[in-house]
C-alpha atoms as a PDB file:
ATOM      1  CA  UNK A   1     -48.183  80.493 -50.588  1.00  0.00           C
ATOM      2  CA  UNK A   2     -49.454  80.482 -47.054  1.00  0.00           C
ATOM      3  CA  UNK A   3     -50.253  83.548 -44.995  1.00  0.00           C
ATOM      4  CA  UNK A   4     -48.672  82.419 -41.723  1.00  0.00           C
ATOM      5  CA  UNK A   5     -46.041  84.751 -40.287  1.00  0.00           C
ATOM      6  CA  UNK A   6     -42.616  83.120 -40.160  1.00  0.00           C
ATOM      7  CA  UNK A   7     -40.570  86.300 -39.769  1.00  0.00           C
ATOM      8  CA  UNK A   8     -39.700  85.478 -36.145  1.00  0.00           C
ATOM      9  CA  UNK A   9     -37.907  82.310 -37.203  1.00  0.00           C
ATOM     10  CA  UNK A  10     -34.502  82.211 -38.924  1.00  0.00           C
ATOM     11  CA  UNK A  11     -35.337  79.047 -40.875  1.00  0.00           C
ATOM     12  CA  UNK A  12     -38.287  78.668 -43.238  1.00  0.00           C
ATOM     13  CA  UNK A  13     -39.763  75.163 -43.639  1.00  0.00           C
ATOM     14  CA  UNK A  14     -41.840  74.337 -46.715  1.00  0.00           C
ATOM     15  CA  UNK A  15     -43.929  71.159 -47.032  1.00  0.00           C
ATOM     16  CA  UNK A  16     -45.053  70.444 -50.589  1.00  0.00           C
ATOM     17  CA  UNK A  17     -46.549  67.807 -52.824  1.00  0.00           C
ATOM     18  CA  UNK A  18     -48.491  67.466 -56.033  1.00  0.00           C
ATOM     19  CA  UNK A  19     -49.873  64.485 -57.882  1.00  0.00           C
ATOM     20  CA  UNK A  20     -49.092  65.032 -61.556  1.00  0.00           C
ATOM     21  CA  UNK A  21     -48.111  62.901 -64.516  1.00  0.00           C
ATOM     22  CA  UNK A  22     -44.326  63.293 -64.658  1.00  0.00           C
ATOM     23  CA  UNK A  23     -42.956  61.354 -67.580  1.00  0.00           C
ATOM     24  CA  UNK A  24     -39.171  60.790 -67.523  1.00  0.00           C
ATOM     25  CA  UNK A  25     -39.215  62.229 -63.991  1.00  0.00           C
ATOM     26  CA  UNK A  26     -35.573  61.204 -63.513  1.00  0.00           C
ATOM     27  CA  UNK A  27     -34.598  64.159 -65.714  1.00  0.00           C
ATOM     28  CA  UNK A  28     -35.842  66.494 -62.969  1.00  0.00           C
ATOM     29  CA  UNK A  29     -33.513  65.124 -60.291  1.00  0.00           C
ATOM     30  CA  UNK A  30     -30.142  66.725 -61.036  1.00  0.00           C
ATOM     31  CA  UNK A  31     -31.406  70.266 -61.818  1.00  0.00           C
ATOM     32  CA  UNK A  32     -33.598  70.250 -58.708  1.00  0.00           C
ATOM     33  CA  UNK A  33     -30.765  69.073 -56.469  1.00  0.00           C
ATOM     34  CA  UNK A  34     -28.465  71.704 -57.914  1.00  0.00           C
ATOM     35  CA  UNK A  35     -30.841  74.622 -57.268  1.00  0.00           C
ATOM     36  CA  UNK A  36     -31.401  73.408 -53.692  1.00  0.00           C
ATOM     37  CA  UNK A  37     -27.676  73.199 -52.971  1.00  0.00           C
ATOM     38  CA  UNK A  38     -26.996  76.558 -54.591  1.00  0.00           C
ATOM     39  CA  UNK A  39     -29.569  78.156 -52.265  1.00  0.00           C
ATOM     40  CA  UNK A  40     -28.519  76.471 -48.987  1.00  0.00           C
ATOM     41  CA  UNK A  41     -31.751  74.480 -48.842  1.00  0.00           C
ATOM     42  CA  UNK A  42     -31.833  71.102 -47.097  1.00  0.00           C
ATOM     43  CA  UNK A  43     -34.436  68.366 -46.746  1.00  0.00           C
ATOM     44  CA  UNK A  44     -35.824  65.546 -48.867  1.00  0.00           C
ATOM     45  CA  UNK A  45     -37.769  65.623 -52.131  1.00  0.00           C
ATOM     46  CA  UNK A  46     -39.248  62.513 -53.758  1.00  0.00           C
ATOM     47  CA  UNK A  47     -39.922  62.253 -57.487  1.00  0.00           C
ATOM     48  CA  UNK A  48     -42.042  59.584 -59.185  1.00  0.00           C
ATOM     49  CA  UNK A  49     -44.146  59.212 -62.285  1.00  0.00           C
ATOM     50  CA  UNK A  50     -47.173  60.145 -60.140  1.00  0.00           C
ATOM     51  CA  UNK A  51     -45.745  63.464 -58.893  1.00  0.00           C
ATOM     52  CA  UNK A  52     -43.539  65.197 -56.324  1.00  0.00           C
ATOM     53  CA  UNK A  53     -43.448  65.219 -52.517  1.00  0.00           C
ATOM     54  CA  UNK A  54     -41.080  66.742 -49.995  1.00  0.00           C
ATOM     55  CA  UNK A  55     -40.189  68.956 -47.077  1.00  0.00           C
ATOM     56  CA  UNK A  56     -37.355  71.448 -47.358  1.00  0.00           C
ATOM     57  CA  UNK A  57     -35.891  74.111 -45.097  1.00  0.00           C
ATOM     58  CA  UNK A  58     -33.531  77.031 -45.498  1.00  0.00           C
ATOM     59  CA  UNK A  59     -33.332  80.813 -45.768  1.00  0.00           C
ATOM     60  CA  UNK A  60     -36.565  82.378 -47.064  1.00  0.00           C
ATOM     61  CA  UNK A  61     -34.902  83.568 -50.275  1.00  0.00           C
ATOM     62  CA  UNK A  62     -33.535  80.081 -50.885  1.00  0.00           C
ATOM     63  CA  UNK A  63     -36.905  78.417 -50.393  1.00  0.00           C
ATOM     64  CA  UNK A  64     -38.489  80.937 -52.751  1.00  0.00           C
ATOM     65  CA  UNK A  65     -35.877  80.186 -55.421  1.00  0.00           C
ATOM     66  CA  UNK A  66     -36.441  76.428 -55.171  1.00  0.00           C
ATOM     67  CA  UNK A  67     -40.230  76.773 -55.374  1.00  0.00           C
ATOM     68  CA  UNK A  68     -39.925  79.080 -58.361  1.00  0.00           C
ATOM     69  CA  UNK A  69     -37.715  76.498 -60.070  1.00  0.00           C
ATOM     70  CA  UNK A  70     -40.333  73.779 -59.518  1.00  0.00           C
ATOM     71  CA  UNK A  71     -43.216  75.914 -60.768  1.00  0.00           C
ATOM     72  CA  UNK A  72     -41.462  76.719 -64.030  1.00  0.00           C
ATOM     73  CA  UNK A  73     -42.421  73.178 -65.043  1.00  0.00           C
ATOM     74  CA  UNK A  74     -45.967  73.550 -66.470  1.00  0.00           C
ATOM     75  CA  UNK A  75     -47.006  70.305 -64.772  1.00  0.00           C
ATOM     76  CA  UNK A  76     -46.118  71.818 -61.390  1.00  0.00           C
ATOM     77  CA  UNK A  77     -47.205  75.389 -62.086  1.00  0.00           C
ATOM     78  CA  UNK A  78     -49.976  75.259 -59.479  1.00  0.00           C
ATOM     79  CA  UNK A  79     -47.898  73.424 -56.875  1.00  0.00           C
ATOM     80  CA  UNK A  80     -49.026  74.454 -53.397  1.00  0.00           C
ATOM     81  CA  UNK A  81     -46.887  74.466 -50.288  1.00  0.00           C
ATOM     82  CA  UNK A  82     -47.274  75.082 -46.565  1.00  0.00           C
ATOM     83  CA  UNK A  83     -44.826  77.224 -44.623  1.00  0.00           C
ATOM     84  CA  UNK A  84     -43.756  77.119 -40.987  1.00  0.00           C
ATOM     85  CA  UNK A  85     -40.807  78.449 -39.055  1.00  0.00           C
ATOM     86  CA  UNK A  86     -38.013  76.775 -37.120  1.00  0.00           C
ATOM     87  CA  UNK A  87     -35.321  78.123 -34.829  1.00  0.00           C
ATOM     88  CA  UNK A  88     -32.750  75.633 -36.129  1.00  0.00           C
ATOM     89  CA  UNK A  89     -32.205  73.827 -39.415  1.00  0.00           C
ATOM     90  CA  UNK A  90     -34.282  70.631 -39.063  1.00  0.00           C
ATOM     91  CA  UNK A  91     -32.349  68.667 -41.726  1.00  0.00           C
ATOM     92  CA  UNK A  92     -28.703  67.703 -42.095  1.00  0.00           C
ATOM     93  CA  UNK A  93     -28.511  67.256 -45.865  1.00  0.00           C
ATOM     94  CA  UNK A  94     -30.354  67.661 -49.145  1.00  0.00           C
ATOM     95  CA  UNK A  95     -31.679  64.600 -50.981  1.00  0.00           C
ATOM     96  CA  UNK A  96     -33.687  64.306 -54.181  1.00  0.00           C
ATOM     97  CA  UNK A  97     -34.751  60.692 -54.595  1.00  0.00           C
ATOM     98  CA  UNK A  98     -36.393  58.747 -57.411  1.00  0.00           C
ATOM     99  CA  UNK A  99     -39.238  56.483 -56.281  1.00  0.00           C
ATOM    100  CA  UNK A 100     -42.006  54.264 -57.627  1.00  0.00           C
ATOM    101  CA  UNK A 101     -44.507  56.265 -55.543  1.00  0.00           C
ATOM    102  CA  UNK A 102     -44.205  59.630 -53.809  1.00  0.00           C
ATOM    103  CA  UNK A 103     -46.103  58.097 -50.895  1.00  0.00           C
ATOM    104  CA  UNK A 104     -45.923  54.322 -50.734  1.00  0.00           C
ATOM    105  CA  UNK A 105     -49.281  52.551 -50.605  1.00  0.00           C
ATOM    106  CA  UNK A 106     -48.515  49.541 -52.800  1.00  0.00           C
ATOM    107  CA  UNK A 107     -52.041  49.355 -54.218  1.00  0.00           C
ATOM    108  CA  UNK A 108     -51.298  49.606 -57.924  1.00  0.00           C
ATOM    109  CA  UNK A 109     -51.727  52.518 -60.316  1.00  0.00           C
ATOM    110  CA  UNK A 110     -54.438  54.637 -58.649  1.00  0.00           C
ATOM    111  CA  UNK A 111     -53.838  57.940 -60.509  1.00  0.00           C
ATOM    112  CA  UNK A 112     -54.746  60.354 -57.676  1.00  0.00           C
ATOM    113  CA  UNK A 113     -54.271  63.278 -60.068  1.00  0.00           C
ATOM    114  CA  UNK A 114     -57.335  62.047 -61.969  1.00  0.00           C
ATOM    115  CA  UNK A 115     -59.380  60.019 -59.496  1.00  0.00           C
ATOM    116  CA  UNK A 116     -59.036  61.484 -55.988  1.00  0.00           C
ATOM    117  CA  UNK A 117     -61.965  62.379 -53.753  1.00  0.00           C
ATOM    118  CA  UNK A 118     -63.498  65.790 -53.215  1.00  0.00           C
ATOM    119  CA  UNK A 119     -61.361  68.474 -51.574  1.00  0.00           C
ATOM    120  CA  UNK A 120     -62.805  70.127 -48.465  1.00  0.00           C
ATOM    121  CA  UNK A 121     -61.379  73.498 -47.423  1.00  0.00           C
ATOM    122  CA  UNK A 122     -60.319  73.840 -43.766  1.00  0.00           C
ATOM    123  CA  UNK A 123     -63.121  76.352 -43.147  1.00  0.00           C
ATOM    124  CA  UNK A 124     -65.720  73.743 -44.235  1.00  0.00           C
ATOM    125  CA  UNK A 125     -64.145  70.732 -42.541  1.00  0.00           C
ATOM    126  CA  UNK A 126     -65.872  71.136 -39.161  1.00  0.00           C
ATOM    127  CA  UNK A 127     -69.319  70.959 -40.726  1.00  0.00           C
ATOM    128  CA  UNK A 128     -68.463  67.771 -42.611  1.00  0.00           C
ATOM    129  CA  UNK A 129     -67.004  65.863 -39.676  1.00  0.00           C
ATOM    130  CA  UNK A 130     -69.752  67.073 -37.328  1.00  0.00           C
ATOM    131  CA  UNK A 131     -72.360  65.307 -39.481  1.00  0.00           C
ATOM    132  CA  UNK A 132     -73.244  62.073 -37.619  1.00  0.00           C
ATOM    133  CA  UNK A 133     -73.559  60.268 -40.961  1.00  0.00           C
ATOM    134  CA  UNK A 134     -69.926  60.955 -41.848  1.00  0.00           C
ATOM    135  CA  UNK A 135     -67.261  58.316 -41.237  1.00  0.00           C
ATOM    136  CA  UNK A 136     -64.034  60.117 -40.267  1.00  0.00           C
ATOM    137  CA  UNK A 137     -60.763  58.279 -40.952  1.00  0.00           C
ATOM    138  CA  UNK A 138     -57.269  59.302 -39.850  1.00  0.00           C
ATOM    139  CA  UNK A 139     -54.967  57.876 -42.540  1.00  0.00           C
ATOM    140  CA  UNK A 140     -51.764  58.364 -40.537  1.00  0.00           C
ATOM    141  CA  UNK A 141     -49.795  55.777 -38.554  1.00  0.00           C
ATOM    142  CA  UNK A 142     -50.446  54.875 -34.933  1.00  0.00           C
ATOM    143  CA  UNK A 143     -47.562  56.874 -33.420  1.00  0.00           C
ATOM    144  CA  UNK A 144     -48.790  60.021 -35.195  1.00  0.00           C
ATOM    145  CA  UNK A 145     -52.396  59.562 -34.111  1.00  0.00           C
ATOM    146  CA  UNK A 146     -51.255  58.961 -30.514  1.00  0.00           C
ATOM    147  CA  UNK A 147     -50.371  62.628 -29.941  1.00  0.00           C
ATOM    148  CA  UNK A 148     -53.305  64.256 -31.721  1.00  0.00           C
ATOM    149  CA  UNK A 149     -56.309  63.753 -34.010  1.00  0.00           C
ATOM    150  CA  UNK A 150     -59.788  65.107 -34.788  1.00  0.00           C
ATOM    151  CA  UNK A 151     -62.761  64.462 -32.550  1.00  0.00           C
ATOM    152  CA  UNK A 152     -64.524  61.157 -33.324  1.00  0.00           C
ATOM    153  CA  UNK A 153     -61.941  60.095 -35.915  1.00  0.00           C
ATOM    154  CA  UNK A 154     -61.276  56.396 -36.493  1.00  0.00           C
ATOM    155  CA  UNK A 155     -57.685  55.295 -35.925  1.00  0.00           C
ATOM    156  CA  UNK A 156     -56.744  52.398 -38.265  1.00  0.00           C
ATOM    157  CA  UNK A 157     -53.809  51.618 -35.918  1.00  0.00           C
ATOM    158  CA  UNK A 158     -51.461  51.039 -38.832  1.00  0.00           C
ATOM    159  CA  UNK A 159     -47.698  51.060 -38.452  1.00  0.00           C
ATOM    160  CA  UNK A 160     -47.122  51.910 -42.118  1.00  0.00           C
ATOM    161  CA  UNK A 161     -49.218  53.304 -44.960  1.00  0.00           C
ATOM    162  CA  UNK A 162     -48.859  49.983 -46.807  1.00  0.00           C
ATOM    163  CA  UNK A 163     -51.205  48.418 -44.233  1.00  0.00           C
ATOM    164  CA  UNK A 164     -54.005  50.837 -45.060  1.00  0.00           C
ATOM    165  CA  UNK A 165     -55.549  48.978 -48.068  1.00  0.00           C
ATOM    166  CA  UNK A 166     -56.004  45.811 -45.981  1.00  0.00           C
ATOM    167  CA  UNK A 167     -57.542  47.865 -43.169  1.00  0.00           C
ATOM    168  CA  UNK A 168     -60.029  49.374 -45.631  1.00  0.00           C
ATOM    169  CA  UNK A 169     -61.068  45.920 -46.867  1.00  0.00           C
ATOM    170  CA  UNK A 170     -61.519  44.642 -43.316  1.00  0.00           C
ATOM    171  CA  UNK A 171     -63.235  47.662 -41.756  1.00  0.00           C
ATOM    172  CA  UNK A 172     -64.944  49.992 -44.226  1.00  0.00           C
ATOM    173  CA  UNK A 173     -67.247  47.697 -46.175  1.00  0.00           C
ATOM    174  CA  UNK A 174     -70.307  48.981 -44.276  1.00  0.00           C
ATOM    175  CA  UNK A 175     -69.368  52.589 -45.095  1.00  0.00           C
ATOM    176  CA  UNK A 176     -69.519  52.157 -48.862  1.00  0.00           C
ATOM    177  CA  UNK A 177     -72.757  54.143 -49.117  1.00  0.00           C
ATOM    178  CA  UNK A 178     -71.854  56.734 -46.472  1.00  0.00           C
ATOM    179  CA  UNK A 179     -69.788  59.898 -46.614  1.00  0.00           C
ATOM    180  CA  UNK A 180     -66.154  59.148 -45.787  1.00  0.00           C
ATOM    181  CA  UNK A 181     -63.925  62.047 -44.697  1.00  0.00           C
ATOM    182  CA  UNK A 182     -60.183  61.367 -44.623  1.00  0.00           C
ATOM    183  CA  UNK A 183     -57.278  63.440 -43.399  1.00  0.00           C
ATOM    184  CA  UNK A 184     -53.510  63.303 -42.874  1.00  0.00           C
ATOM    185  CA  UNK A 185     -50.607  65.623 -42.057  1.00  0.00           C
ATOM    186  CA  UNK A 186     -50.240  67.604 -45.270  1.00  0.00           C
ATOM    187  CA  UNK A 187     -52.849  66.104 -47.575  1.00  0.00           C
ATOM    188  CA  UNK A 188     -50.857  63.611 -49.611  1.00  0.00           C
ATOM    189  CA  UNK A 189     -51.798  60.360 -47.873  1.00  0.00           C
ATOM    190  CA  UNK A 190     -55.496  61.182 -47.637  1.00  0.00           C
ATOM    191  CA  UNK A 191     -55.546  62.231 -51.303  1.00  0.00           C
ATOM    192  CA  UNK A 192     -54.121  58.870 -52.323  1.00  0.00           C
ATOM    193  CA  UNK A 193     -56.436  57.110 -49.855  1.00  0.00           C
ATOM    194  CA  UNK A 194     -59.487  58.681 -51.480  1.00  0.00           C
ATOM    195  CA  UNK A 195     -58.304  57.422 -54.872  1.00  0.00           C
ATOM    196  CA  UNK A 196     -58.025  53.974 -53.314  1.00  0.00           C
ATOM    197  CA  UNK A 197     -61.594  54.104 -51.970  1.00  0.00           C
ATOM    198  CA  UNK A 198     -62.994  55.352 -55.265  1.00  0.00           C
ATOM    199  CA  UNK A 199     -61.232  52.500 -57.053  1.00  0.00           C
ATOM    200  CA  UNK A 200     -63.020  50.161 -54.624  1.00  0.00           C
ATOM    201  CA  UNK A 201     -66.439  51.616 -55.430  1.00  0.00           C
ATOM    202  CA  UNK A 202     -66.898  54.218 -52.691  1.00  0.00           C
ATOM    203  CA  UNK A 203     -68.765  57.269 -53.986  1.00  0.00           C
ATOM    204  CA  UNK A 204     -68.932  60.038 -51.357  1.00  0.00           C
ATOM    205  CA  UNK A 205     -65.266  60.374 -50.454  1.00  0.00           C
ATOM    206  CA  UNK A 206     -63.751  63.608 -49.141  1.00  0.00           C
ATOM    207  CA  UNK A 207     -60.362  64.754 -47.919  1.00  0.00           C
ATOM    208  CA  UNK A 208     -59.064  67.778 -46.026  1.00  0.00           C
ATOM    209  CA  UNK A 209     -57.348  70.138 -48.453  1.00  0.00           C
ATOM    210  CA  UNK A 210     -53.863  70.938 -47.241  1.00  0.00           C
ATOM    211  CA  UNK A 211     -54.167  68.402 -44.449  1.00  0.00           C
ATOM    212  CA  UNK A 212     -53.950  68.996 -40.722  1.00  0.00           C
ATOM    213  CA  UNK A 213     -51.201  71.580 -41.194  1.00  0.00           C
ATOM    214  CA  UNK A 214     -53.436  73.816 -43.296  1.00  0.00           C
ATOM    215  CA  UNK A 215     -56.303  73.377 -40.840  1.00  0.00           C
ATOM    216  CA  UNK A 216     -54.116  74.333 -37.853  1.00  0.00           C
ATOM    217  CA  UNK A 217     -52.883  77.357 -39.780  1.00  0.00           C
ATOM    218  CA  UNK A 218     -56.260  78.716 -40.903  1.00  0.00           C
ATOM    219  CA  UNK A 219     -58.885  77.637 -38.357  1.00  0.00           C
ATOM    220  CA  UNK A 220     -58.880  79.670 -35.114  1.00  0.00           C
ATOM    221  CA  UNK A 221     -58.100  77.600 -32.042  1.00  0.00           C
ATOM    222  CA  UNK A 222     -61.395  78.532 -30.397  1.00  0.00           C
ATOM    223  CA  UNK A 223     -63.286  77.011 -33.362  1.00  0.00           C
ATOM    224  CA  UNK A 224     -61.022  74.017 -33.819  1.00  0.00           C
ATOM    225  CA  UNK A 225     -62.096  70.378 -33.500  1.00  0.00           C
ATOM    226  CA  UNK A 226     -58.469  69.266 -33.447  1.00  0.00           C
ATOM    227  CA  UNK A 227     -57.258  67.680 -30.222  1.00  0.00           C
ATOM    228  CA  UNK A 228     -53.578  67.507 -29.275  1.00  0.00           C
ATOM    229  CA  UNK A 229     -50.505  68.033 -31.446  1.00  0.00           C
ATOM    230  CA  UNK A 230     -49.663  67.197 -35.052  1.00  0.00           C
ATOM    231  CA  UNK A 231     -46.568  65.049 -35.588  1.00  0.00           C
ATOM    232  CA  UNK A 232     -44.183  66.359 -38.264  1.00  0.00           C
ATOM    233  CA  UNK A 233     -41.286  64.556 -39.868  1.00  0.00           C
ATOM    234  CA  UNK A 234     -38.428  66.812 -38.830  1.00  0.00           C
ATOM    235  CA  UNK A 235     -36.643  67.971 -35.701  1.00  0.00           C
ATOM    236  CA  UNK A 236     -39.609  70.075 -34.574  1.00  0.00           C
ATOM    237  CA  UNK A 237     -41.383  66.743 -33.822  1.00  0.00           C
ATOM    238  CA  UNK A 238     -44.830  68.337 -33.457  1.00  0.00           C
ATOM    239  CA  UNK A 239     -46.753  71.547 -34.118  1.00  0.00           C
ATOM    240  CA  UNK A 240     -49.974  72.958 -32.684  1.00  0.00           C
ATOM    241  CA  UNK A 241     -52.453  75.661 -33.657  1.00  0.00           C
ATOM    242  CA  UNK A 242     -50.804  78.361 -35.720  1.00  0.00           C
ATOM    243  CA  UNK A 243     -48.115  75.780 -36.580  1.00  0.00           C
ATOM    244  CA  UNK A 244     -46.216  76.721 -33.418  1.00  0.00           C
ATOM    245  CA  UNK A 245     -43.627  74.031 -32.521  1.00  0.00           C
ATOM    246  CA  UNK A 246     -45.013  71.789 -29.792  1.00  0.00           C
ATOM    247  CA  UNK A 247     -43.726  70.293 -26.537  1.00  0.00           C
ATOM    248  CA  UNK A 248     -42.711  66.859 -27.821  1.00  0.00           C
ATOM    249  CA  UNK A 249     -39.202  65.530 -28.133  1.00  0.00           C
ATOM    250  CA  UNK A 250     -38.122  62.546 -30.207  1.00  0.00           C
ATOM    251  CA  UNK A 251     -36.653  59.236 -29.125  1.00  0.00           C
ATOM    252  CA  UNK A 252     -33.454  58.947 -31.132  1.00  0.00           C
ATOM    253  CA  UNK A 253     -33.640  55.175 -30.981  1.00  0.00           C
ATOM    254  CA  UNK A 254     -37.125  54.549 -32.440  1.00  0.00           C
ATOM    255  CA  UNK A 255     -37.901  58.054 -33.821  1.00  0.00           C
ATOM    256  CA  UNK A 256     -41.269  58.230 -32.049  1.00  0.00           C
ATOM    257  CA  UNK A 257     -42.538  61.381 -30.328  1.00  0.00           C
ATOM    258  CA  UNK A 258     -42.042  61.392 -26.569  1.00  0.00           C
ATOM    259  CA  UNK A 259     -43.533  63.612 -23.872  1.00  0.00           C
ATOM    260  CA  UNK A 260     -42.098  64.825 -20.575  1.00  0.00           C
ATOM    261  CA  UNK A 261     -44.101  62.033 -18.959  1.00  0.00           C
ATOM    262  CA  UNK A 262     -42.422  59.469 -21.223  1.00  0.00           C
ATOM    263  CA  UNK A 263     -39.020  60.863 -20.295  1.00  0.00           C
ATOM    264  CA  UNK A 264     -39.841  60.449 -16.594  1.00  0.00           C
ATOM    265  CA  UNK A 265     -40.317  56.674 -17.032  1.00  0.00           C
ATOM    266  CA  UNK A 266     -37.556  54.262 -15.940  1.00  0.00           C
ATOM    267  CA  UNK A 267     -37.470  52.797 -19.463  1.00  0.00           C
ATOM    268  CA  UNK A 268     -36.339  56.148 -20.889  1.00  0.00           C
ATOM    269  CA  UNK A 269     -32.621  56.658 -21.446  1.00  0.00           C
ATOM    270  CA  UNK A 270     -31.553  59.660 -23.501  1.00  0.00           C
ATOM    271  CA  UNK A 271     -30.632  58.562 -27.022  1.00  0.00           C
ATOM    272  CA  UNK A 272     -31.012  54.882 -26.090  1.00  0.00           C
ATOM    273  CA  UNK A 273     -34.627  53.912 -25.381  1.00  0.00           C
ATOM    274  CA  UNK A 274     -38.106  55.112 -24.433  1.00  0.00           C
ATOM    275  CA  UNK A 275     -41.313  53.452 -23.185  1.00  0.00           C
ATOM    276  CA  UNK A 276     -42.297  52.777 -26.827  1.00  0.00           C
ATOM    277  CA  UNK A 277     -39.186  50.835 -27.823  1.00  0.00           C
ATOM    278  CA  UNK A 278     -37.507  49.568 -24.648  1.00  0.00           C
ATOM    279  CA  UNK A 279     -39.083  46.089 -24.849  1.00  0.00           C
ATOM    280  CA  UNK A 280     -38.380  45.815 -28.576  1.00  0.00           C
ATOM    281  CA  UNK A 281     -34.613  46.322 -28.384  1.00  0.00           C
ATOM    282  CA  UNK A 282     -31.956  43.658 -28.184  1.00  0.00           C
ATOM    283  CA  UNK A 283     -29.103  44.064 -25.749  1.00  0.00           C
ATOM    284  CA  UNK A 284     -26.736  44.591 -28.679  1.00  0.00           C
ATOM    285  CA  UNK A 285     -28.868  47.438 -29.985  1.00  0.00           C
ATOM    286  CA  UNK A 286     -29.047  49.049 -26.561  1.00  0.00           C
ATOM    287  CA  UNK A 287     -25.276  48.892 -26.167  1.00  0.00           C
ATOM    288  CA  UNK A 288     -24.799  50.407 -29.616  1.00  0.00           C
ATOM    289  CA  UNK A 289     -27.142  53.289 -28.787  1.00  0.00           C
ATOM    290  CA  UNK A 290     -25.401  53.813 -25.434  1.00  0.00           C
ATOM    291  CA  UNK A 291     -22.022  54.042 -27.149  1.00  0.00           C
ATOM    292  CA  UNK A 292     -23.409  56.498 -29.696  1.00  0.00           C
ATOM    293  CA  UNK A 293     -24.824  58.649 -26.906  1.00  0.00           C
ATOM    294  CA  UNK A 294     -21.506  58.488 -25.039  1.00  0.00           C
ATOM    295  CA  UNK A 295     -19.630  59.727 -28.115  1.00  0.00           C
ATOM    296  CA  UNK A 296     -22.130  62.582 -28.517  1.00  0.00           C
ATOM    297  CA  UNK A 297     -21.611  63.522 -24.862  1.00  0.00           C
ATOM    298  CA  UNK A 298     -17.844  63.587 -25.330  1.00  0.00           C
ATOM    299  CA  UNK A 299     -18.247  65.744 -28.443  1.00  0.00           C
ATOM    300  CA  UNK A 300     -20.351  68.257 -26.504  1.00  0.00           C
ATOM    301  CA  UNK A 301     -17.757  68.416 -23.737  1.00  0.00           C
ATOM    302  CA  UNK A 302     -15.131  69.231 -26.363  1.00  0.00           C
ATOM    303  CA  UNK A 303     -17.322  71.990 -27.752  1.00  0.00           C
ATOM    304  CA  UNK A 304     -18.214  69.948 -30.844  1.00  0.00           C
ATOM    305  CA  UNK A 305     -21.977  69.816 -30.290  1.00  0.00           C
ATOM    306  CA  UNK A 306     -22.685  70.693 -33.934  1.00  0.00           C
ATOM    307  CA  UNK A 307     -19.989  68.472 -35.413  1.00  0.00           C
ATOM    308  CA  UNK A 308     -22.457  66.268 -37.293  1.00  0.00           C
ATOM    309  CA  UNK A 309     -24.141  69.292 -38.859  1.00  0.00           C
ATOM    310  CA  UNK A 310     -20.787  70.838 -39.770  1.00  0.00           C
ATOM    311  CA  UNK A 311     -19.653  67.619 -41.434  1.00  0.00           C
ATOM    312  CA  UNK A 312     -22.924  67.293 -43.345  1.00  0.00           C
ATOM    313  CA  UNK A 313     -22.723  70.888 -44.540  1.00  0.00           C
ATOM    314  CA  UNK A 314     -19.117  70.401 -45.604  1.00  0.00           C
ATOM    315  CA  UNK A 315     -20.108  67.298 -47.596  1.00  0.00           C
ATOM    316  CA  UNK A 316     -22.928  69.162 -49.304  1.00  0.00           C
ATOM    317  CA  UNK A 317     -20.596  72.042 -50.128  1.00  0.00           C
ATOM    318  CA  UNK A 318     -18.116  69.621 -51.654  1.00  0.00           C
ATOM    319  CA  UNK A 319     -20.897  67.904 -53.603  1.00  0.00           C
ATOM    320  CA  UNK A 320     -22.087  71.261 -54.879  1.00  0.00           C
ATOM    321  CA  UNK A 321     -18.596  72.219 -56.024  1.00  0.00           C
ATOM    322  CA  UNK A 322     -18.122  68.868 -57.793  1.00  0.00           C
ATOM    323  CA  UNK A 323     -21.495  69.110 -59.536  1.00  0.00           C
ATOM    324  CA  UNK A 324     -20.865  72.631 -60.747  1.00  0.00           C
ATOM    325  CA  UNK A 325     -17.374  71.659 -61.874  1.00  0.00           C
ATOM    326  CA  UNK A 326     -18.788  68.658 -63.763  1.00  0.00           C
ATOM    327  CA  UNK A 327     -21.433  70.843 -65.375  1.00  0.00           C
ATOM    328  CA  UNK A 328     -18.808  73.366 -66.517  1.00  0.00           C
ATOM    329  CA  UNK A 329     -16.687  70.524 -67.919  1.00  0.00           C
ATOM    330  CA  UNK A 330     -19.643  69.082 -69.832  1.00  0.00           C
ATOM    331  CA  UNK A 331     -20.517  72.500 -71.215  1.00  0.00           C
ATOM    332  CA  UNK A 332     -16.930  73.011 -72.340  1.00  0.00           C
ATOM    333  CA  UNK A 333     -16.831  69.546 -73.909  1.00  0.00           C
ATOM    334  CA  UNK A 334     -20.014  70.213 -75.880  1.00  0.00           C
ATOM    335  CA  UNK A 335     -18.522  73.493 -77.073  1.00  0.00           C
ATOM    336  CA  UNK A 336     -15.504  71.657 -78.475  1.00  0.00           C
ATOM    337  CA  UNK A 337     -17.640  69.469 -80.747  1.00  0.00           C
END
């Protein structure tokens, strides 16, 4: 559990992952969804044979209950998570999904739980990346790197994590005998990336334990080598030192982070387009986004600004009631046999 103070925020956000061998992982789905719904927790959790990954938000007591449920499984007993606060619920629903990978790389069975690189604590990270013989690689996608990264880090300019193996083959051959330090938002992508490099014969491979989020939480700003903001995959959009929510908004057409400067451009239209996606949209798409934005405007005028959230919460409540009813019926049926 992290030491950051979240008491000034009504919503607690927990980012978590762990590579672990989870046989018959599908059996974990229904109980995990049920405990989340029972504790008013929303977000997304991915389950695969290689482990668990997710970000959830809710009341502090609810988050604690969900984490306790996960850690009762011996394979997840040492599951770590990172906490931050939010003024509003950043998710509309709760999903627990079954996947082939908890972070999709598409490079075969790498077994990060057994073959990842060497963890580097945030307090030791500066020394590693300040070594001129270290190759520093940001394993995130281009739109994430655009708003913040570490000094002297290489940007692979990928648009999805699936592109990363090809980038390694094309660009890192000369670094095979050097130290390679990799980082990402919360640690999961760089952990899998180090397993990829080790499978390709790299020896001195390191990754930032807990990712950028842990570094921003624990390393004082005056000592930090981080530049800019860290993109996060929820309605906060970005966080800075101390995990304080940052100044970025999100384009609701392309889901990329946008600054005040972006919003001042003629290609920006609220809910419709931004400088990053304007030239990539068809006229039909633009009209669809404009109609969606118009309907949202009408809803706000009618005092229904939170209608989508209310509907989502009502659906989750109904789902919870149906699941509990089904569970009671199954229990009764078993008792009759």
